[in-house]
């Protein structure tokens, strides 16, 4: 089957669509790209919600990217299936018109209305508009890919039967970055028993991530044998820095290039997940836990249903929003090198067995086989939208 990965997505900033595409390749499908990156990340799009006068700029940029997509699509062989990448709420509508008799899969990792609520920009007419954008995107697709069962349950009932859960997974670069296992692990543990625990967080400092919780935990760890690296910036960045100000052993990096991030994470002992308490934080398994596990780090994250289901015994869980519990968990790993090594090994084993592109895309491949794609071209969306 020939698959076109379509849209204004940026696989460098958001690798989810690239993981799905690679997984489809590894299952024997021919994959071609029709891509014109919009150049606006999630934070920039959310900023437009807060400053509606910026909408014309967005629409102008989108129109130029769409012209590029149309030109590319006309030059490529006709696909049997179209996959619309992450943040494709508008792109899927263009895809529906360009590929009227072709089944379309929408990667609906984030709903516009859900993101606005998480970043405290929802309410009134704005929320009504965003729900309409989400609904129109879902209506334009034959199949909808979400990342957790909890996200599937938030879809409007009429779309749930055409949804499939595809975990986020990790790109191959993260697996490649992991340090080689030491053949004499007990001796290695003894050799490094006096080393400080190296902890890293990376993200956009959104409420979902609970970065301020991490900041308060780091303040409690001042003077302990723990060194922390905090990568990124965003909405909760200033609060996080202020909360952690009492700890001089925290390194702050505003930016790390995406191709350098796997090696940086792999050089640490622990990769922190998310610790937010909002509704969205309780429904996701963040990319950083997949990536950190693939890179060979121990994972410490919040004890939520989707994360416990995905990670099982391969993570250290703490209550969401609890900086004292987070600090205690990190102190426990710092004081027990053998426990740390077990946590790292468990996370790495799980990543190798479950988080690669070929593995996470299996539910989608199975669903496509059940639908008989490309015979699914006579499916729901094509008949409704044409």
Protein backbone atom coordinates (compact mmCIF):
# COMPACT_ATOMS: atom_id res chain seq x y z
CA UNK A 1 0.00 0.00 0.00
CA UNK A 2 1.24 3.49 -0.86
CA UNK A 3 0.81 5.98 1.99
CA UNK A 4 1.12 9.76 1.72
CA UNK A 5 2.03 11.53 4.96
CA UNK A 6 0.39 14.90 4.46
CA UNK A 7 0.29 18.30 6.10
CA UNK A 8 2.07 21.26 7.64
CA UNK A 9 3.54 19.16 10.46
CA UNK A 10 7.12 19.58 11.71
CA UNK A 11 8.53 16.12 12.43
CA UNK A 12 11.69 17.64 13.91
CA UNK A 13 9.78 19.41 16.66
CA UNK A 14 7.01 16.80 16.96
CA UNK A 15 8.31 13.36 15.95
CA UNK A 16 5.00 11.51 16.45
CA UNK A 17 4.04 11.49 12.76
CA UNK A 18 7.55 10.41 11.75
CA UNK A 19 7.31 7.46 14.14
CA UNK A 20 4.01 6.38 12.60
CA UNK A 21 5.42 6.78 9.08
CA UNK A 22 8.50 4.73 9.95
CA UNK A 23 6.34 2.07 11.54
CA UNK A 24 4.27 1.79 8.37
CA UNK A 25 7.46 1.40 6.34
CA UNK A 26 8.63 -1.37 8.63
CA UNK A 27 5.33 -3.13 8.07
CA UNK A 28 6.04 -3.18 4.34
CA UNK A 29 4.13 -0.13 3.11
CA UNK A 30 5.52 2.44 0.68
CA UNK A 31 5.55 5.86 2.35
CA UNK A 32 5.91 9.22 0.62
CA UNK A 33 5.74 12.68 2.19
CA UNK A 34 3.76 15.72 1.13
CA UNK A 35 4.93 18.19 3.75
CA UNK A 36 5.24 21.96 4.04
CA UNK A 37 5.97 22.81 7.70
CA UNK A 38 3.89 25.71 8.98
CA UNK A 39 6.68 27.02 11.19
CA UNK A 40 4.42 27.52 14.22
CA UNK A 41 4.72 25.18 17.18
CA UNK A 42 1.97 24.47 19.70
CA UNK A 43 3.01 27.41 21.90
CA UNK A 44 2.82 29.84 18.96
CA UNK A 45 -0.63 28.56 17.98
CA UNK A 46 -1.83 28.92 21.56
CA UNK A 47 -0.49 32.47 21.59
CA UNK A 48 -2.73 33.23 18.62
CA UNK A 49 -5.71 32.10 20.71
CA UNK A 50 -4.75 34.69 23.32
CA UNK A 51 -4.15 37.38 20.67
CA UNK A 52 -6.84 36.95 18.00
CA UNK A 53 -5.50 39.82 15.92
CA UNK A 54 -2.71 37.46 14.88
CA UNK A 55 -5.16 35.14 13.09
CA UNK A 56 -4.69 36.83 9.66
CA UNK A 57 -0.96 36.09 9.87
CA UNK A 58 -1.74 32.44 10.58
CA UNK A 59 -4.18 32.23 7.70
CA UNK A 60 -1.73 33.87 5.29
CA UNK A 61 1.04 31.47 6.26
CA UNK A 62 -1.32 28.50 6.06
CA UNK A 63 -2.47 29.52 2.57
CA UNK A 64 1.12 29.61 1.30
CA UNK A 65 1.88 26.21 2.80
CA UNK A 66 -1.29 24.76 1.31
CA UNK A 67 -0.30 25.95 -2.16
CA UNK A 68 2.99 24.12 -1.72
CA UNK A 69 1.14 21.00 -0.56
CA UNK A 70 -1.20 21.09 -3.55
CA UNK A 71 1.70 21.39 -5.99
CA UNK A 72 3.55 18.49 -4.34
CA UNK A 73 0.46 16.30 -4.19
CA UNK A 74 -0.17 16.75 -7.92
CA UNK A 75 3.35 15.59 -8.75
CA UNK A 76 3.27 12.45 -6.61
CA UNK A 77 1.75 9.05 -7.41
CA UNK A 78 -1.81 8.67 -6.18
CA UNK A 79 -1.79 7.17 -2.64
CA UNK A 80 -3.91 4.34 -1.29
CA UNK A 81 -3.99 5.98 2.15
CA UNK A 82 -3.34 9.49 3.49
CA UNK A 83 -1.97 10.10 6.99
CA UNK A 84 -2.47 13.69 8.18
CA UNK A 85 0.17 14.65 10.72
CA UNK A 86 -0.02 16.11 14.20
CA UNK A 87 -1.71 19.52 14.53
CA UNK A 88 -3.56 18.75 11.31
CA UNK A 89 -6.94 20.22 12.30
CA UNK A 90 -7.04 22.31 9.11
CA UNK A 91 -4.78 20.17 6.93
CA UNK A 92 -7.19 17.25 7.09
CA UNK A 93 -9.86 19.37 5.40
CA UNK A 94 -7.53 20.13 2.51
CA UNK A 95 -6.57 16.45 2.33
CA UNK A 96 -10.24 15.50 2.12
CA UNK A 97 -10.68 17.70 -0.93
CA UNK A 98 -7.46 16.64 -2.64
CA UNK A 99 -7.98 12.92 -2.04
CA UNK A 100 -11.75 12.51 -2.21
CA UNK A 101 -11.80 8.75 -2.77
CA UNK A 102 -8.81 7.93 -0.57
CA UNK A 103 -9.15 6.88 3.09
CA UNK A 104 -7.64 9.41 5.49
CA UNK A 105 -6.11 8.81 8.91
CA UNK A 106 -5.91 11.86 11.20
CA UNK A 107 -3.30 11.81 13.95
CA UNK A 108 -5.42 13.57 16.57
CA UNK A 109 -2.85 13.63 19.32
CA UNK A 110 -4.05 16.98 20.66
CA UNK A 111 -7.50 18.54 20.44
CA UNK A 112 -7.57 22.31 19.98
CA UNK A 113 -10.18 22.81 22.70
CA UNK A 114 -8.32 20.49 25.09
CA UNK A 115 -5.04 22.35 24.61
CA UNK A 116 -6.71 25.71 25.23
CA UNK A 117 -8.26 24.44 28.47
CA UNK A 118 -4.92 23.07 29.65
CA UNK A 119 -3.22 26.39 28.99
CA UNK A 120 -6.06 28.35 30.61
CA UNK A 121 -7.22 30.05 27.42
CA UNK A 122 -10.66 28.48 27.06
CA UNK A 123 -14.13 29.81 27.71
CA UNK A 124 -16.94 31.58 25.95
CA UNK A 125 -17.06 31.88 22.18
CA UNK A 126 -13.41 30.82 21.90
CA UNK A 127 -14.16 27.37 23.30
CA UNK A 128 -17.20 26.98 21.04
CA UNK A 129 -15.02 27.82 18.03
CA UNK A 130 -12.28 25.40 19.04
CA UNK A 131 -14.76 22.58 19.55
CA UNK A 132 -16.09 23.27 16.07
CA UNK A 133 -12.54 23.07 14.69
CA UNK A 134 -12.01 19.72 16.44
CA UNK A 135 -15.35 18.38 15.23
CA UNK A 136 -14.72 19.41 11.64
CA UNK A 137 -11.30 17.75 11.68
CA UNK A 138 -12.71 14.51 13.07
CA UNK A 139 -15.56 14.54 10.54
CA UNK A 140 -13.07 14.82 7.69
CA UNK A 141 -11.21 11.62 8.61
CA UNK A 142 -12.03 7.96 8.04
CA UNK A 143 -9.87 6.87 10.96
CA UNK A 144 -8.61 8.84 13.96
CA UNK A 145 -5.38 7.95 15.81
CA UNK A 146 -5.17 8.96 19.48
CA UNK A 147 -2.46 8.15 22.01
CA UNK A 148 -4.34 6.74 25.03
CA UNK A 149 -7.61 5.07 25.93
CA UNK A 150 -8.41 8.13 28.02
CA UNK A 151 -8.12 10.40 24.98
CA UNK A 152 -10.29 8.04 22.97
CA UNK A 153 -12.98 8.35 25.65
CA UNK A 154 -12.98 12.15 25.31
CA UNK A 155 -13.89 12.01 21.62
CA UNK A 156 -17.52 12.73 20.77
CA UNK A 157 -19.40 9.40 20.81
CA UNK A 158 -20.03 9.44 17.06
CA UNK A 159 -16.28 9.29 16.34
CA UNK A 160 -15.12 6.69 18.87
CA UNK A 161 -15.88 3.68 16.69
CA UNK A 162 -13.47 4.97 14.04
CA UNK A 163 -10.65 5.72 16.49
CA UNK A 164 -7.57 3.64 17.28
CA UNK A 165 -5.05 4.02 20.10
CA UNK A 166 -1.49 4.37 18.80
CA UNK A 167 1.06 5.02 21.60
CA UNK A 168 3.53 7.85 21.05
CA UNK A 169 6.69 5.72 21.03
CA UNK A 170 10.25 6.94 20.48
CA UNK A 171 12.31 7.67 17.35
CA UNK A 172 15.25 5.40 16.60
CA UNK A 173 17.75 8.14 17.52
CA UNK A 174 16.75 7.76 21.17
CA UNK A 175 17.41 4.03 21.17
CA UNK A 176 20.76 4.62 19.48
CA UNK A 177 21.77 7.17 22.13
CA UNK A 178 21.48 4.75 25.06
CA UNK A 179 24.77 3.76 26.69
CA UNK A 180 25.86 0.19 26.24
CA UNK A 181 24.97 -2.11 29.14
CA UNK A 182 27.92 -2.80 31.42
CA UNK A 183 28.71 -6.53 31.53
CA UNK A 184 29.74 -6.21 35.18
CA UNK A 185 26.83 -4.19 36.51
CA UNK A 186 27.55 -4.85 40.19
CA UNK A 187 31.12 -3.62 39.83
CA UNK A 188 29.87 -0.65 37.83
CA UNK A 189 27.38 0.19 40.58
CA UNK A 190 30.19 0.15 43.15
CA UNK A 191 32.43 2.31 40.96
CA UNK A 192 29.72 5.00 40.65
CA UNK A 193 28.21 4.74 44.13
CA UNK A 194 29.65 8.12 45.15
CA UNK A 195 28.59 9.93 41.97
CA UNK A 196 25.73 12.42 42.19
CA UNK A 197 22.39 11.37 40.72
CA UNK A 198 21.99 13.09 37.34
CA UNK A 199 18.38 14.11 36.73
CA UNK A 200 16.96 15.77 33.63
CA UNK A 201 13.67 17.31 32.57
CA UNK A 202 12.90 18.67 29.12
CA UNK A 203 9.73 20.28 27.89
CA UNK A 204 7.69 23.39 27.15
CA UNK A 205 6.83 24.15 30.79
CA UNK A 206 3.10 23.82 30.27
CA UNK A 207 0.62 23.25 33.12
CA UNK A 208 0.27 19.64 31.96
CA UNK A 209 3.97 19.01 32.61
CA UNK A 210 3.89 20.34 36.16
CA UNK A 211 7.33 21.89 35.86
CA UNK A 212 6.69 24.09 38.90
CA UNK A 213 6.20 20.89 40.94
CA UNK A 214 9.67 19.83 39.80
CA UNK A 215 11.02 23.26 40.82
CA UNK A 216 9.62 22.90 44.33
CA UNK A 217 11.05 19.38 44.59
CA UNK A 218 14.47 20.63 43.52
CA UNK A 219 14.39 23.28 46.23
CA UNK A 220 13.90 20.50 48.80
CA UNK A 221 16.93 18.71 47.33
CA UNK A 222 19.38 21.57 47.86
CA UNK A 223 22.60 20.17 49.32
CA UNK A 224 21.79 16.58 48.33
CA UNK A 225 23.95 14.45 45.97
CA UNK A 226 21.64 15.24 43.06
CA UNK A 227 22.42 17.36 40.00
CA UNK A 228 19.50 18.48 37.85
CA UNK A 229 19.35 19.78 34.29
CA UNK A 230 16.18 21.61 33.21
CA UNK A 231 15.80 22.03 29.44
CA UNK A 232 13.31 24.30 27.71
CA UNK A 233 11.17 27.30 28.50
CA UNK A 234 7.53 28.23 28.40
CA UNK A 235 4.45 29.31 30.30
CA UNK A 236 5.48 28.00 33.73
CA UNK A 237 9.20 28.65 33.29
CA UNK A 238 9.50 31.71 35.54
CA UNK A 239 7.53 30.05 38.34
CA UNK A 240 9.68 26.94 38.07
CA UNK A 241 12.94 28.87 38.27
CA UNK A 242 11.69 30.85 41.25
CA UNK A 243 10.56 27.67 43.01
CA UNK A 244 13.98 26.02 42.52
CA UNK A 245 16.04 29.12 43.33
CA UNK A 246 17.29 27.69 46.63
CA UNK A 247 19.16 24.91 44.84
CA UNK A 248 22.41 26.01 43.15
CA UNK A 249 22.95 22.54 41.62
CA UNK A 250 20.35 23.10 38.91
CA UNK A 251 21.51 23.80 35.36
CA UNK A 252 19.05 25.67 33.14
CA UNK A 253 19.17 25.29 29.35
CA UNK A 254 16.67 27.28 27.30
CA UNK A 255 17.25 25.30 24.15
CA UNK A 256 18.85 22.07 22.92
CA UNK A 257 18.72 21.15 19.24
CA UNK A 258 16.47 18.16 18.59
CA UNK A 259 19.33 16.11 17.12
CA UNK A 260 21.44 16.74 20.25
CA UNK A 261 18.72 16.05 22.82
CA UNK A 262 18.85 12.22 22.80
CA UNK A 263 22.55 12.17 23.71
CA UNK A 264 22.04 14.77 26.43
CA UNK A 265 19.21 12.79 28.00
CA UNK A 266 21.15 9.51 27.74
CA UNK A 267 24.00 11.10 29.71
CA UNK A 268 21.70 11.36 32.74
CA UNK A 269 20.48 8.73 35.19
CA UNK A 270 16.85 9.84 35.48
CA UNK A 271 14.44 11.36 32.99
CA UNK A 272 11.50 13.12 34.61
CA UNK A 273 8.02 12.76 33.14
CA UNK A 274 5.05 14.96 33.99
CA UNK A 275 3.53 16.00 37.33
CA UNK A 276 0.57 18.22 36.47
CA UNK A 277 -2.84 17.67 38.07
CA UNK A 278 -5.17 18.99 35.37
CA UNK A 279 -7.59 16.76 33.43
CA UNK A 280 -5.31 16.55 30.40
CA UNK A 281 -2.30 15.57 32.53
CA UNK A 282 -4.29 12.60 33.80
CA UNK A 283 -5.00 11.36 30.25
CA UNK A 284 -1.60 11.38 28.55
CA UNK A 285 1.61 9.40 28.40
CA UNK A 286 4.13 12.11 27.45
CA UNK A 287 6.74 11.66 24.75
CA UNK A 288 9.53 12.23 27.28
CA UNK A 289 8.86 8.98 29.14
CA UNK A 290 9.01 6.97 25.90
CA UNK A 291 12.15 8.80 24.82
CA UNK A 292 13.87 8.72 28.20
CA UNK A 293 13.25 4.99 28.54
CA UNK A 294 14.61 4.37 25.02
CA UNK A 295 17.71 6.39 25.96
CA UNK A 296 18.36 4.14 28.97
CA UNK A 297 17.23 6.43 31.79
CA UNK A 298 15.21 5.54 34.84
CA UNK A 299 11.77 7.13 34.56
CA UNK A 300 10.18 9.07 37.42
CA UNK A 301 6.71 10.37 36.63
CA UNK A 302 3.21 10.89 38.04
CA UNK A 303 1.07 7.97 39.05
CA UNK A 304 -1.76 8.23 36.54
CA UNK A 305 -3.82 5.48 34.94
CA UNK A 306 -2.44 5.77 31.37
CA UNK A 307 1.18 6.03 32.50
CA UNK A 308 0.91 3.08 34.89
CA UNK A 309 -0.82 1.05 32.15
CA UNK A 310 1.92 1.86 29.65
CA UNK A 311 4.96 1.68 31.95
CA UNK A 312 3.92 -0.99 34.45
CA UNK A 313 6.85 -1.80 36.75
CA UNK A 314 9.35 0.03 34.53
CA UNK A 315 8.98 3.44 36.21
CA UNK A 316 9.04 5.09 39.62
CA UNK A 317 5.64 6.67 40.24
CA UNK A 318 4.80 9.57 42.55
CA UNK A 319 1.48 11.32 43.19
CA UNK A 320 0.74 14.07 40.69
CA UNK A 321 1.39 17.58 42.02
CA UNK A 322 3.40 16.37 45.04
CA UNK A 323 6.90 17.92 45.19
CA UNK A 324 7.74 16.27 48.51
CA UNK A 325 7.04 12.79 47.12
CA UNK A 326 9.08 13.58 44.02
CA UNK A 327 12.02 14.77 46.13
CA UNK A 328 11.83 11.60 48.27
CA UNK A 329 11.78 9.36 45.18
CA UNK A 330 14.89 11.05 43.78
CA UNK A 331 16.68 10.85 47.12
CA UNK A 332 15.85 7.14 47.23
CA UNK A 333 17.47 6.57 43.84
CA UNK A 334 20.46 8.74 44.76
CA UNK A 335 21.06 6.62 47.86
CA UNK A 336 20.62 3.22 46.24
CA UNK A 337 22.68 2.75 43.11
CA UNK A 338 21.49 -0.84 42.67
CA UNK A 339 17.85 0.30 42.68
CA UNK A 340 18.74 3.00 40.17
CA UNK A 341 20.39 0.47 37.87
CA UNK A 342 17.35 -1.81 38.11
CA UNK A 343 15.05 1.08 37.23
CA UNK A 344 17.18 2.03 34.24
CA UNK A 345 17.34 -1.56 33.00
CA UNK A 346 13.59 -2.07 33.38
CA UNK A 347 12.79 1.09 31.43
CA UNK A 348 15.21 0.18 28.67
CA UNK A 349 13.82 -3.36 28.37
CA UNK A 350 10.28 -2.04 28.07
CA UNK A 351 11.33 0.49 25.45
CA UNK A 352 13.05 -2.18 23.36
CA UNK A 353 10.05 -4.48 23.55
CA UNK A 354 7.23 -1.95 23.11
CA UNK A 355 8.22 1.60 22.13
CA UNK A 356 9.81 1.29 18.67
CA UNK A 357 8.04 2.58 15.56
CA UNK A 358 7.29 -0.91 14.32
CA UNK A 359 5.70 -1.85 17.63
CA UNK A 360 3.59 1.22 18.41
CA UNK A 361 2.05 1.32 14.93
CA UNK A 362 0.71 -2.25 15.13
CA UNK A 363 -2.79 -1.26 16.33
CA UNK A 364 -3.11 1.07 13.33
CA UNK A 365 -1.90 -1.59 10.89
CA UNK A 366 -4.35 -4.08 12.37
CA UNK A 367 -7.21 -1.60 12.08
CA UNK A 368 -6.34 -0.82 8.46
CA UNK A 369 -6.30 -4.54 7.68
CA UNK A 370 -9.73 -4.90 9.31
CA UNK A 371 -11.08 -2.02 7.24
CA UNK A 372 -9.60 -3.51 4.09
CA UNK A 373 -7.64 -0.35 3.17
CA UNK A 374 -7.31 0.78 0.45
CA UNK A 375 -10.80 -0.60 -0.14
CA UNK A 376 -11.89 1.69 2.70
CA UNK A 377 -12.01 4.53 0.20
CA UNK A 378 -15.76 4.13 0.23
CA UNK A 379 -15.71 4.88 3.98
CA UNK A 380 -17.44 7.36 6.20
CA UNK A 381 -15.70 10.66 5.62
CA UNK A 382 -15.55 10.46 1.84
CA UNK A 383 -19.27 9.94 1.58
CA UNK A 384 -20.06 12.70 4.07
CA UNK A 385 -17.72 15.39 2.79
CA UNK A 386 -17.64 14.89 -0.99
